[in-house]
Amino acid sequence: MLRRGGLSTRVVEVVSPKGRAERVSNHMVVYVRRDFADHLRAGASPFLGWQVAQRFLNDESVILTPEEASRSHSERGLDLISLHSMYLQARPGEMGPLEHREAASRAFFSIHQGVRIWQFLRDSYSPMAAEHDRNAGMRVRSGYEGIWGERGEPSLTRPLLHGIDRHEALNSPGMAVERMFPHYELVLELRPIHRELLSRALVGETDEDLADSLGLSLAAVKSRWKAVYAHVEKRAPTILGDLGRDTFAVATRARERRRHLLNYLRDHLEELRPV
């Protein structure tokens, strides 16, 4: 499923003063076919993650390929569903400590910043999770009454479906989930090899690290940086700063260009999205 291309995972860790990392939450979401998402939205079948996995194992995958995601992105937008969400220091189905929830929320919005989403769906497996989803601005789509009869409190065996689409979000200003839906036009239109290089540089990889992780020589990494700068100069030259050749030595100018570009990307993560 990870190789399919439409699935993303995130892990939140707490790092101790001694540098040890302790995992506190796992989350997995996926972009799916529109007809499948609309079927789920109607509330006919619970356990969203199980349904996606079952279809995948039966060679009936509903996960979008990168090409399908790009096409959907340019049309109505992408349908996003939550496959799995777990806070390791809480009981199954619940939301964990507040600071962990806030960290997971920041990671979620960062990952999807700039992606044109049409709707988001997730099953809530506890009263705490259901309250969290409603407070964020999501709507109850179904208590699966047709399967279990009268709606009760959600549980691990009787989830509650929540969701929101772009129209609902933009008509509910101030709600946390609204941040998923603004669409940012891409300024740079980076090529895939540019995005790979810059994504790694943003997390601190040096040229030596990049050579190792990309399987390139150091000279090839430097050439790729030059290609990135040439592309950015054509699209938006002011991003690289006013770095005249008479003012800076070559090495200093390269460091300054990189600093300006990475600072811009930290505030415009949408430029690194594959869609």
C-alpha atoms as a PDB file:
ATOM      1  CA  MET A   1       0.000   0.000   0.000  1.00  0.00           C
ATOM      2  CA  LEU A   2       2.881   2.376   0.733  1.00  0.00           C
ATOM      3  CA  ARG A   3       4.246   1.766  -2.754  1.00  0.00           C
ATOM      4  CA  ARG A   4       0.864   2.637  -4.258  1.00  0.00           C
ATOM      5  CA  GLY A   5       1.624   6.334  -3.825  1.00  0.00           C
ATOM      6  CA  GLY A   6      -1.638   7.737  -2.446  1.00  0.00           C
ATOM      7  CA  LEU A   7      -0.966   6.834   1.177  1.00  0.00           C
ATOM      8  CA  SER A   8       0.919   8.857   3.767  1.00  0.00           C
ATOM      9  CA  THR A   9       1.944   8.077   7.322  1.00  0.00           C
ATOM     10  CA  ARG A  10       3.154  10.232  10.167  1.00  0.00           C
ATOM     11  CA  VAL A  11       4.676   9.424  13.524  1.00  0.00           C
ATOM     12  CA  VAL A  12       4.896  11.818  16.470  1.00  0.00           C
ATOM     13  CA  GLU A  13       7.768  11.312  18.895  1.00  0.00           C
ATOM     14  CA  VAL A  14       8.876  12.949  22.126  1.00  0.00           C
ATOM     15  CA  VAL A  15      12.645  13.407  22.308  1.00  0.00           C
ATOM     16  CA  SER A  16      14.186  13.322  25.785  1.00  0.00           C
ATOM     17  CA  PRO A  17      17.024  15.656  26.855  1.00  0.00           C
ATOM     18  CA  LYS A  18      19.368  12.705  26.332  1.00  0.00           C
ATOM     19  CA  GLY A  19      18.301  12.430  22.701  1.00  0.00           C
ATOM     20  CA  ARG A  20      16.159   9.297  23.042  1.00  0.00           C
ATOM     21  CA  ALA A  21      12.949   9.357  20.975  1.00  0.00           C
ATOM     22  CA  GLU A  22       9.732   7.834  22.289  1.00  0.00           C
ATOM     23  CA  ARG A  23       6.927   7.297  19.818  1.00  0.00           C
ATOM     24  CA  VAL A  24       3.607   8.664  21.100  1.00  0.00           C
ATOM     25  CA  SER A  25       1.271   8.393  18.098  1.00  0.00           C
ATOM     26  CA  ASN A  26       0.868   6.793  14.666  1.00  0.00           C
ATOM     27  CA  HIS A  27      -1.430   8.025  11.924  1.00  0.00           C
ATOM     28  CA  MET A  28      -2.132   6.859   8.388  1.00  0.00           C
ATOM     29  CA  VAL A  29      -4.310   8.523   5.737  1.00  0.00           C
ATOM     30  CA  VAL A  30      -4.944   7.791   2.076  1.00  0.00           C
ATOM     31  CA  TYR A  31      -6.359   9.400  -1.072  1.00  0.00           C
ATOM     32  CA  VAL A  32      -9.062   7.200  -2.573  1.00  0.00           C
ATOM     33  CA  ARG A  33     -11.297   7.027  -5.638  1.00  0.00           C
ATOM     34  CA  ARG A  34     -14.196   9.465  -5.651  1.00  0.00           C
ATOM     35  CA  ASP A  35     -16.930   6.834  -6.020  1.00  0.00           C
ATOM     36  CA  PHE A  36     -15.523   4.859  -3.096  1.00  0.00           C
ATOM     37  CA  ALA A  37     -15.308   7.973  -0.876  1.00  0.00           C
ATOM     38  CA  ASP A  38     -18.886   8.920  -1.710  1.00  0.00           C
ATOM     39  CA  HIS A  39     -19.975   5.366  -0.881  1.00  0.00           C
ATOM     40  CA  LEU A  40     -18.281   5.672   2.515  1.00  0.00           C
ATOM     41  CA  ARG A  41     -19.790   9.111   3.097  1.00  0.00           C
ATOM     42  CA  ALA A  42     -23.261   7.641   2.714  1.00  0.00           C
ATOM     43  CA  GLY A  43     -22.515   5.612   5.852  1.00  0.00           C
ATOM     44  CA  ALA A  44     -23.266   2.196   4.424  1.00  0.00           C
ATOM     45  CA  SER A  45     -20.208   0.420   5.828  1.00  0.00           C
ATOM     46  CA  PRO A  46     -18.041   1.043   8.923  1.00  0.00           C
ATOM     47  CA  PHE A  47     -14.334   0.408   9.526  1.00  0.00           C
ATOM     48  CA  LEU A  48     -12.857   2.539   6.758  1.00  0.00           C
ATOM     49  CA  GLY A  49      -9.292   1.275   7.107  1.00  0.00           C
ATOM     50  CA  TRP A  50     -10.382  -2.353   6.960  1.00  0.00           C
ATOM     51  CA  GLN A  51     -12.375  -1.686   3.781  1.00  0.00           C
ATOM     52  CA  VAL A  52      -9.407  -0.116   1.999  1.00  0.00           C
ATOM     53  CA  ALA A  53      -7.063  -2.937   3.083  1.00  0.00           C
ATOM     54  CA  GLN A  54      -9.566  -5.632   2.101  1.00  0.00           C
ATOM     55  CA  ARG A  55     -10.003  -4.225  -1.400  1.00  0.00           C
ATOM     56  CA  PHE A  56      -6.249  -3.895  -1.790  1.00  0.00           C
ATOM     57  CA  LEU A  57      -5.691  -7.537  -0.813  1.00  0.00           C
ATOM     58  CA  ASN A  58      -8.388  -8.572  -3.296  1.00  0.00           C
ATOM     59  CA  ASP A  59      -6.640  -6.658  -6.128  1.00  0.00           C
ATOM     60  CA  GLU A  60      -9.470  -4.112  -6.148  1.00  0.00           C
ATOM     61  CA  SER A  61      -7.460  -1.198  -4.799  1.00  0.00           C
ATOM     62  CA  VAL A  62      -9.290   2.097  -4.334  1.00  0.00           C
ATOM     63  CA  ILE A  63      -6.057   3.976  -3.519  1.00  0.00           C
ATOM     64  CA  LEU A  64      -5.157   6.621  -6.080  1.00  0.00           C
ATOM     65  CA  THR A  65      -1.939   6.287  -8.045  1.00  0.00           C
ATOM     66  CA  PRO A  66       0.175   9.464  -8.326  1.00  0.00           C
ATOM     67  CA  GLU A  67      -1.230  10.008 -11.833  1.00  0.00           C
ATOM     68  CA  GLU A  68      -4.825   9.597 -10.621  1.00  0.00           C
ATOM     69  CA  ALA A  69      -4.159  11.885  -7.655  1.00  0.00           C
ATOM     70  CA  SER A  70      -2.792  14.574  -9.962  1.00  0.00           C
ATOM     71  CA  ARG A  71      -5.866  14.338 -12.180  1.00  0.00           C
ATOM     72  CA  SER A  72      -8.286  14.480  -9.216  1.00  0.00           C
ATOM     73  CA  HIS A  73      -6.324  17.356  -7.725  1.00  0.00           C
ATOM     74  CA  SER A  74      -6.926  19.437 -10.844  1.00  0.00           C
ATOM     75  CA  GLU A  75     -10.652  18.569 -10.931  1.00  0.00           C
ATOM     76  CA  ARG A  76     -12.923  18.383  -7.867  1.00  0.00           C
ATOM     77  CA  GLY A  77     -10.083  17.763  -5.463  1.00  0.00           C
ATOM     78  CA  LEU A  78      -8.887  14.757  -3.483  1.00  0.00           C
ATOM     79  CA  ASP A  79     -10.926  12.520  -1.209  1.00  0.00           C
ATOM     80  CA  LEU A  80      -8.950  11.794   1.953  1.00  0.00           C
ATOM     81  CA  ILE A  81      -9.817   9.164   4.542  1.00  0.00           C
ATOM     82  CA  SER A  82      -8.175   8.119   7.783  1.00  0.00           C
ATOM     83  CA  LEU A  83      -7.074   4.482   7.822  1.00  0.00           C
ATOM     84  CA  HIS A  84      -5.541   4.373  11.252  1.00  0.00           C
ATOM     85  CA  SER A  85      -4.956   6.687  14.203  1.00  0.00           C
ATOM     86  CA  MET A  86      -3.482   5.601  17.523  1.00  0.00           C
ATOM     87  CA  TYR A  87      -2.122   7.396  20.577  1.00  0.00           C
ATOM     88  CA  LEU A  88       0.167   4.939  22.307  1.00  0.00           C
ATOM     89  CA  GLN A  89      -0.220   6.444  25.796  1.00  0.00           C
ATOM     90  CA  ALA A  90      -4.013   6.291  25.709  1.00  0.00           C
ATOM     91  CA  ARG A  91      -6.589   3.525  25.624  1.00  0.00           C
ATOM     92  CA  PRO A  92      -7.374   2.257  22.102  1.00  0.00           C
ATOM     93  CA  GLY A  93      -9.663   4.638  20.236  1.00  0.00           C
ATOM     94  CA  GLU A  94      -8.998   7.631  22.493  1.00  0.00           C
ATOM     95  CA  MET A  95      -7.022  10.777  21.779  1.00  0.00           C
ATOM     96  CA  GLY A  96      -4.113  10.853  24.203  1.00  0.00           C
ATOM     97  CA  PRO A  97      -2.701  13.823  26.145  1.00  0.00           C
ATOM     98  CA  LEU A  98      -3.463  17.317  24.851  1.00  0.00           C
ATOM     99  CA  GLU A  99       0.143  18.086  23.886  1.00  0.00           C
ATOM    100  CA  HIS A 100       0.288  14.916  21.789  1.00  0.00           C
ATOM    101  CA  ARG A 101      -2.975  15.774  20.058  1.00  0.00           C
ATOM    102  CA  GLU A 102      -1.711  19.265  19.260  1.00  0.00           C
ATOM    103  CA  ALA A 103       1.555  17.902  17.842  1.00  0.00           C
ATOM    104  CA  ALA A 104      -0.322  15.369  15.707  1.00  0.00           C
ATOM    105  CA  SER A 105      -2.668  18.094  14.464  1.00  0.00           C
ATOM    106  CA  ARG A 106       0.242  20.337  13.448  1.00  0.00           C
ATOM    107  CA  ALA A 107       1.849  17.432  11.589  1.00  0.00           C
ATOM    108  CA  PHE A 108      -1.414  16.601   9.839  1.00  0.00           C
ATOM    109  CA  PHE A 109      -1.989  20.117   8.549  1.00  0.00           C
ATOM    110  CA  SER A 110       1.662  20.492   7.542  1.00  0.00           C
ATOM    111  CA  ILE A 111       1.573  17.295   5.477  1.00  0.00           C
ATOM    112  CA  HIS A 112      -1.549  18.377   3.587  1.00  0.00           C
ATOM    113  CA  GLN A 113      -0.798  22.089   3.247  1.00  0.00           C
ATOM    114  CA  GLY A 114      -1.407  23.119  -0.336  1.00  0.00           C
ATOM    115  CA  VAL A 115      -3.133  19.904  -1.371  1.00  0.00           C
ATOM    116  CA  ARG A 116      -6.546  20.554  -2.905  1.00  0.00           C
ATOM    117  CA  ILE A 117      -8.808  18.360  -0.776  1.00  0.00           C
ATOM    118  CA  TRP A 118     -12.506  17.894  -1.462  1.00  0.00           C
ATOM    119  CA  GLN A 119     -13.501  15.885   1.616  1.00  0.00           C
ATOM    120  CA  PHE A 120     -12.067  14.136   4.651  1.00  0.00           C
ATOM    121  CA  LEU A 121     -13.661  11.140   6.389  1.00  0.00           C
ATOM    122  CA  ARG A 122     -12.750   9.200   9.521  1.00  0.00           C
ATOM    123  CA  ASP A 123     -14.334   6.773  11.941  1.00  0.00           C
ATOM    124  CA  SER A 124     -14.313   7.842  15.615  1.00  0.00           C
ATOM    125  CA  TYR A 125     -13.932   4.976  18.071  1.00  0.00           C
ATOM    126  CA  SER A 126     -14.599   6.630  21.425  1.00  0.00           C
ATOM    127  CA  PRO A 127     -16.697   9.487  22.882  1.00  0.00           C
ATOM    128  CA  MET A 128     -13.449  11.466  23.325  1.00  0.00           C
ATOM    129  CA  ALA A 129     -12.496  11.035  19.657  1.00  0.00           C
ATOM    130  CA  ALA A 130     -16.006  11.937  18.510  1.00  0.00           C
ATOM    131  CA  GLU A 131     -15.990  15.094  20.631  1.00  0.00           C
ATOM    132  CA  HIS A 132     -12.548  16.012  19.270  1.00  0.00           C
ATOM    133  CA  ASP A 133     -13.772  15.634  15.669  1.00  0.00           C
ATOM    134  CA  ARG A 134     -16.906  17.706  16.241  1.00  0.00           C
ATOM    135  CA  ASN A 135     -14.945  20.429  18.055  1.00  0.00           C
ATOM    136  CA  ALA A 136     -12.595  20.597  15.067  1.00  0.00           C
ATOM    137  CA  GLY A 137     -15.598  21.267  12.808  1.00  0.00           C
ATOM    138  CA  MET A 138     -16.404  17.837  11.379  1.00  0.00           C
ATOM    139  CA  ARG A 139     -19.972  16.635  10.890  1.00  0.00           C
ATOM    140  CA  VAL A 140     -21.500  13.330  11.902  1.00  0.00           C
ATOM    141  CA  ARG A 141     -22.032  11.451   8.668  1.00  0.00           C
ATOM    142  CA  SER A 142     -23.419   8.246  10.118  1.00  0.00           C
ATOM    143  CA  GLY A 143     -23.793   6.236  13.276  1.00  0.00           C
ATOM    144  CA  TYR A 144     -24.289   3.215  11.012  1.00  0.00           C
ATOM    145  CA  GLU A 145     -27.850   2.929  12.316  1.00  0.00           C
ATOM    146  CA  GLY A 146     -28.802   0.690   9.400  1.00  0.00           C
ATOM    147  CA  ILE A 147     -26.350  -1.911  10.691  1.00  0.00           C
ATOM    148  CA  TRP A 148     -26.629  -1.584  14.457  1.00  0.00           C
ATOM    149  CA  GLY A 149     -29.948   0.117  15.007  1.00  0.00           C
ATOM    150  CA  GLU A 150     -30.232   3.178  17.240  1.00  0.00           C
ATOM    151  CA  ARG A 151     -27.083   5.250  17.540  1.00  0.00           C
ATOM    152  CA  GLY A 152     -25.198   5.015  20.827  1.00  0.00           C
ATOM    153  CA  GLU A 153     -21.824   6.117  22.093  1.00  0.00           C
ATOM    154  CA  PRO A 154     -19.014   5.187  19.691  1.00  0.00           C
ATOM    155  CA  SER A 155     -16.720   2.336  20.677  1.00  0.00           C
ATOM    156  CA  LEU A 156     -14.057   0.106  19.122  1.00  0.00           C
ATOM    157  CA  THR A 157     -16.779  -2.183  17.784  1.00  0.00           C
ATOM    158  CA  ARG A 158     -19.312   0.530  16.882  1.00  0.00           C
ATOM    159  CA  PRO A 159     -17.541   3.551  15.359  1.00  0.00           C
ATOM    160  CA  LEU A 160     -19.158   6.850  14.417  1.00  0.00           C
ATOM    161  CA  LEU A 161     -18.412   8.303  10.978  1.00  0.00           C
ATOM    162  CA  HIS A 162     -17.348  11.957  10.840  1.00  0.00           C
ATOM    163  CA  GLY A 163     -16.500  14.013   7.786  1.00  0.00           C
ATOM    164  CA  ILE A 164     -16.320  17.439   6.209  1.00  0.00           C
ATOM    165  CA  ASP A 165     -15.991  18.721   2.655  1.00  0.00           C
ATOM    166  CA  ARG A 166     -14.580  21.918   1.255  1.00  0.00           C
ATOM    167  CA  HIS A 167     -17.923  23.730   1.016  1.00  0.00           C
ATOM    168  CA  GLU A 168     -18.783  22.940   4.635  1.00  0.00           C
ATOM    169  CA  ALA A 169     -15.332  23.951   5.862  1.00  0.00           C
ATOM    170  CA  LEU A 170     -15.214  27.266   4.048  1.00  0.00           C
ATOM    171  CA  ASN A 171     -18.714  28.068   5.344  1.00  0.00           C
ATOM    172  CA  SER A 172     -17.503  27.465   8.917  1.00  0.00           C
ATOM    173  CA  PRO A 173     -14.715  30.026   9.387  1.00  0.00           C
ATOM    174  CA  GLY A 174     -12.638  29.661  12.519  1.00  0.00           C
ATOM    175  CA  MET A 175     -12.972  25.893  12.844  1.00  0.00           C
ATOM    176  CA  ALA A 176      -9.669  24.009  13.087  1.00  0.00           C
ATOM    177  CA  VAL A 177     -10.391  21.698  10.175  1.00  0.00           C
ATOM    178  CA  GLU A 178     -10.902  24.677   7.849  1.00  0.00           C
ATOM    179  CA  ARG A 179      -7.107  24.846   7.521  1.00  0.00           C
ATOM    180  CA  MET A 180      -7.169  21.708   5.358  1.00  0.00           C
ATOM    181  CA  PHE A 181      -9.059  23.301   2.520  1.00  0.00           C
ATOM    182  CA  PRO A 182      -7.532  26.567   1.244  1.00  0.00           C
ATOM    183  CA  HIS A 183      -5.833  26.029  -2.098  1.00  0.00           C
ATOM    184  CA  TYR A 184      -2.447  27.596  -2.762  1.00  0.00           C
ATOM    185  CA  GLU A 185      -1.325  28.188  -6.326  1.00  0.00           C
ATOM    186  CA  LEU A 186       2.182  26.878  -6.942  1.00  0.00           C
ATOM    187  CA  VAL A 187       4.725  29.545  -7.789  1.00  0.00           C
ATOM    188  CA  LEU A 188       7.782  27.421  -8.490  1.00  0.00           C
ATOM    189  CA  GLU A 189       6.303  24.298 -10.160  1.00  0.00           C
ATOM    190  CA  LEU A 190       9.309  22.241  -9.104  1.00  0.00           C
ATOM    191  CA  ARG A 191      10.321  19.089 -10.941  1.00  0.00           C
ATOM    192  CA  PRO A 192      10.270  15.788  -8.975  1.00  0.00           C
ATOM    193  CA  ILE A 193      14.071  15.679  -8.667  1.00  0.00           C
ATOM    194  CA  HIS A 194      14.003  19.256  -7.345  1.00  0.00           C
ATOM    195  CA  ARG A 195      11.376  18.371  -4.746  1.00  0.00           C
ATOM    196  CA  GLU A 196      13.337  15.335  -3.577  1.00  0.00           C
ATOM    197  CA  LEU A 197      16.527  17.344  -3.099  1.00  0.00           C
ATOM    198  CA  LEU A 198      14.787  20.235  -1.350  1.00  0.00           C
ATOM    199  CA  SER A 199      12.660  18.019   0.908  1.00  0.00           C
ATOM    200  CA  ARG A 200      15.801  16.350   2.207  1.00  0.00           C
ATOM    201  CA  ALA A 201      17.638  19.644   2.592  1.00  0.00           C
ATOM    202  CA  LEU A 202      14.742  21.016   4.633  1.00  0.00           C
ATOM    203  CA  VAL A 203      15.246  18.344   7.285  1.00  0.00           C
ATOM    204  CA  GLY A 204      18.931  19.186   7.567  1.00  0.00           C
ATOM    205  CA  GLU A 205      20.749  16.940   5.105  1.00  0.00           C
ATOM    206  CA  THR A 206      24.110  18.362   4.042  1.00  0.00           C
ATOM    207  CA  ASP A 207      25.515  17.923   0.540  1.00  0.00           C
ATOM    208  CA  GLU A 208      27.433  14.889   1.788  1.00  0.00           C
ATOM    209  CA  ASP A 209      24.203  13.441   3.251  1.00  0.00           C
ATOM    210  CA  LEU A 210      22.364  14.156   0.005  1.00  0.00           C
ATOM    211  CA  ALA A 211      25.038  12.397  -2.025  1.00  0.00           C
ATOM    212  CA  ASP A 212      24.652   9.332   0.182  1.00  0.00           C
ATOM    213  CA  SER A 213      20.839   9.274   0.345  1.00  0.00           C
ATOM    214  CA  LEU A 214      20.347  10.043  -3.370  1.00  0.00           C
ATOM    215  CA  GLY A 215      23.133   7.770  -4.575  1.00  0.00           C
ATOM    216  CA  LEU A 216      24.976  10.621  -6.309  1.00  0.00           C
ATOM    217  CA  SER A 217      28.488  11.972  -6.311  1.00  0.00           C
ATOM    218  CA  LEU A 218      29.126  15.217  -4.462  1.00  0.00           C
ATOM    219  CA  ALA A 219      29.734  16.938  -7.795  1.00  0.00           C
ATOM    220  CA  ALA A 220      26.342  15.704  -9.041  1.00  0.00           C
ATOM    221  CA  VAL A 221      24.623  17.100  -5.941  1.00  0.00           C
ATOM    222  CA  LYS A 222      26.203  20.502  -6.549  1.00  0.00           C
ATOM    223  CA  SER A 223      25.083  20.365 -10.184  1.00  0.00           C
ATOM    224  CA  ARG A 224      21.552  19.561  -9.060  1.00  0.00           C
ATOM    225  CA  TRP A 225      21.565  22.588  -6.748  1.00  0.00           C
ATOM    226  CA  LYS A 226      22.635  24.760  -9.695  1.00  0.00           C
ATOM    227  CA  ALA A 227      19.730  23.374 -11.723  1.00  0.00           C
ATOM    228  CA  VAL A 228      17.342  24.171  -8.855  1.00  0.00           C
ATOM    229  CA  TYR A 229      18.603  27.757  -8.619  1.00  0.00           C
ATOM    230  CA  ALA A 230      18.325  28.214 -12.396  1.00  0.00           C
ATOM    231  CA  HIS A 231      14.735  26.961 -12.314  1.00  0.00           C
ATOM    232  CA  VAL A 232      13.769  29.197  -9.385  1.00  0.00           C
ATOM    233  CA  GLU A 233      15.393  32.232 -11.000  1.00  0.00           C
ATOM    234  CA  LYS A 234      13.172  31.747 -14.055  1.00  0.00           C
ATOM    235  CA  ARG A 235       9.992  31.316 -11.996  1.00  0.00           C
ATOM    236  CA  ALA A 236      10.491  33.740  -9.075  1.00  0.00           C
ATOM    237  CA  PRO A 237      13.952  35.339  -8.942  1.00  0.00           C
ATOM    238  CA  THR A 238      13.245  37.454  -5.843  1.00  0.00           C
ATOM    239  CA  ILE A 239      13.006  34.296  -3.689  1.00  0.00           C
ATOM    240  CA  LEU A 240      16.772  33.825  -3.901  1.00  0.00           C
ATOM    241  CA  GLY A 241      17.480  37.337  -2.661  1.00  0.00           C
ATOM    242  CA  ASP A 242      19.536  40.140  -4.206  1.00  0.00           C
ATOM    243  CA  LEU A 243      22.865  38.339  -4.463  1.00  0.00           C
ATOM    244  CA  GLY A 244      24.975  40.257  -6.964  1.00  0.00           C
ATOM    245  CA  ARG A 245      28.183  38.615  -8.185  1.00  0.00           C
ATOM    246  CA  ASP A 246      30.235  41.624  -7.129  1.00  0.00           C
ATOM    247  CA  THR A 247      28.982  41.470  -3.554  1.00  0.00           C
ATOM    248  CA  PHE A 248      29.445  37.816  -2.581  1.00  0.00           C
ATOM    249  CA  ALA A 249      32.105  35.210  -3.150  1.00  0.00           C
ATOM    250  CA  VAL A 250      30.877  32.151  -5.032  1.00  0.00           C
ATOM    251  CA  ALA A 251      30.662  29.908  -1.924  1.00  0.00           C
ATOM    252  CA  THR A 252      28.924  32.588   0.133  1.00  0.00           C
ATOM    253  CA  ARG A 253      26.456  33.309  -2.660  1.00  0.00           C
ATOM    254  CA  ALA A 254      25.555  29.598  -2.874  1.00  0.00           C
ATOM    255  CA  ARG A 255      24.976  29.396   0.900  1.00  0.00           C
ATOM    256  CA  GLU A 256      22.808  32.525   0.819  1.00  0.00           C
ATOM    257  CA  ARG A 257      20.767  31.270  -2.114  1.00  0.00           C
ATOM    258  CA  ARG A 258      20.122  28.031  -0.292  1.00  0.00           C
ATOM    259  CA  ARG A 259      19.187  29.848   2.908  1.00  0.00           C
ATOM    260  CA  HIS A 260      16.701  32.127   1.117  1.00  0.00           C
ATOM    261  CA  LEU A 261      15.142  29.257  -0.810  1.00  0.00           C
ATOM    262  CA  LEU A 262      14.755  26.944   2.191  1.00  0.00           C
ATOM    263  CA  ASN A 263      13.289  29.771   4.289  1.00  0.00           C
ATOM    264  CA  TYR A 264      10.712  30.353   1.560  1.00  0.00           C
ATOM    265  CA  LEU A 265       9.834  26.655   1.388  1.00  0.00           C
ATOM    266  CA  ARG A 266       9.345  26.391   5.157  1.00  0.00           C
ATOM    267  CA  ASP A 267       6.488  28.878   4.776  1.00  0.00           C
ATOM    268  CA  HIS A 268       5.247  27.393   1.474  1.00  0.00           C
ATOM    269  CA  LEU A 269       5.349  23.626   1.890  1.00  0.00           C
ATOM    270  CA  GLU A 270       2.762  23.308  -0.860  1.00  0.00           C
ATOM    271  CA  GLU A 271       5.609  23.795  -3.348  1.00  0.00           C
ATOM    272  CA  LEU A 272       6.910  20.342  -2.385  1.00  0.00           C
ATOM    273  CA  ARG A 273       3.628  18.506  -2.947  1.00  0.00           C
ATOM    274  CA  PRO A 274       3.708  15.879  -5.715  1.00  0.00           C
ATOM    275  CA  VAL A 275       0.362  17.029  -7.068  1.00  0.00           C
END
